């Protein structure tokens, strides 16, 4: 005689769901204004963002070269009047 395979979840067999995860997900989707993150989560994310910004600033300060975006007026670049004549 063979054994029946055990099911991991009874979710398919249950017809009435109250307080289950799927119901909560549905409610959360329907009422986004009533859903708020916990204080602990928001504090954690705020701290992570601060750390990320500090690391980014440190990276920008230590790496790379300073490139002069607008160098002092030199004769090598044509002026606007010369470009329109072409």
Protein backbone atom coordinates (compact mmCIF):
# COMPACT_ATOMS: atom_id res chain seq x y z
CA UNK A 1 0.00 0.00 0.00
CA UNK A 2 1.42 3.42 -0.98
CA UNK A 3 1.41 6.40 1.32
CA UNK A 4 -0.37 9.59 0.40
CA UNK A 5 1.82 12.65 -0.05
CA UNK A 6 1.50 15.17 2.75
CA UNK A 7 0.38 18.63 1.79
CA UNK A 8 2.42 21.51 3.09
CA UNK A 9 -0.47 23.93 3.28
CA UNK A 10 -4.13 23.73 4.05
CA UNK A 11 -4.80 27.02 2.25
CA UNK A 12 -6.28 25.26 -0.78
CA UNK A 13 -8.64 23.20 1.35
CA UNK A 14 -9.98 26.01 3.52
CA UNK A 15 -12.94 27.94 2.16
CA UNK A 16 -13.34 30.59 4.87
CA UNK A 17 -10.30 32.74 5.61
CA UNK A 18 -10.31 35.14 8.50
CA UNK A 19 -7.14 36.77 9.75
CA UNK A 20 -4.98 34.94 7.27
CA UNK A 21 -2.08 36.39 5.35
CA UNK A 22 -3.94 36.50 2.02
CA UNK A 23 -6.81 38.42 3.59
CA UNK A 24 -4.41 40.90 5.13
CA UNK A 25 -2.61 41.39 1.81
CA UNK A 26 -5.94 42.04 0.11
CA UNK A 27 -7.02 44.49 2.82
CA UNK A 28 -3.65 46.25 2.70
CA UNK A 29 -3.95 46.63 -1.07
CA UNK A 30 -7.47 48.05 -0.77
CA UNK A 31 -6.64 50.46 2.10
CA UNK A 32 -3.21 52.00 1.45
CA UNK A 33 -4.00 55.09 3.54
CA UNK A 34 -4.43 53.04 6.73
CA UNK A 35 -1.17 51.15 6.33
CA UNK A 36 1.92 52.70 7.92
CA UNK A 37 5.40 51.39 8.51
CA UNK A 38 6.53 50.68 12.04
CA UNK A 39 8.68 53.26 13.84
CA UNK A 40 11.52 50.77 14.09
CA UNK A 41 11.49 50.18 10.31
CA UNK A 42 11.42 53.89 9.46
CA UNK A 43 14.26 54.63 11.89
CA UNK A 44 16.29 51.78 10.42
CA UNK A 45 15.75 53.01 6.86
CA UNK A 46 16.56 56.61 7.83
CA UNK A 47 19.82 55.43 9.39
CA UNK A 48 20.67 53.38 6.31
CA UNK A 49 20.09 56.39 4.04
CA UNK A 50 22.34 58.57 6.21
CA UNK A 51 25.08 55.94 6.07
CA UNK A 52 24.71 55.62 2.31
CA UNK A 53 24.95 59.40 1.83
CA UNK A 54 28.05 59.59 4.05
CA UNK A 55 29.73 56.79 2.10
CA UNK A 56 28.88 58.47 -1.19
CA UNK A 57 30.40 61.77 -0.01
CA UNK A 58 33.51 59.99 1.19
CA UNK A 59 33.84 58.25 -2.17
CA UNK A 60 33.47 61.50 -4.06
CA UNK A 61 36.08 63.22 -1.91
CA UNK A 62 38.72 60.52 -2.19
CA UNK A 63 38.37 59.19 -5.73
CA UNK A 64 38.60 60.80 -9.12
CA UNK A 65 40.07 64.00 -10.45
CA UNK A 66 38.61 67.46 -10.50
CA UNK A 67 37.63 68.26 -14.08
CA UNK A 68 37.16 71.93 -14.92
CA UNK A 69 33.70 72.01 -16.48
CA UNK A 70 33.86 75.66 -17.52
CA UNK A 71 37.53 76.48 -17.97
CA UNK A 72 38.52 80.11 -18.34
CA UNK A 73 37.81 81.48 -21.80
CA UNK A 74 40.49 80.16 -24.12
CA UNK A 75 40.78 80.72 -27.86
CA UNK A 76 40.37 77.03 -28.72
CA UNK A 77 36.56 76.97 -28.53
CA UNK A 78 34.56 78.83 -31.20
CA UNK A 79 32.05 81.44 -30.13
CA UNK A 80 28.35 81.19 -30.91
CA UNK A 81 28.50 83.52 -33.89
CA UNK A 82 31.11 81.35 -35.60
CA UNK A 83 29.07 78.16 -35.07
CA UNK A 84 25.96 79.57 -36.78
CA UNK A 85 27.95 80.52 -39.90
CA UNK A 86 28.87 76.89 -40.62
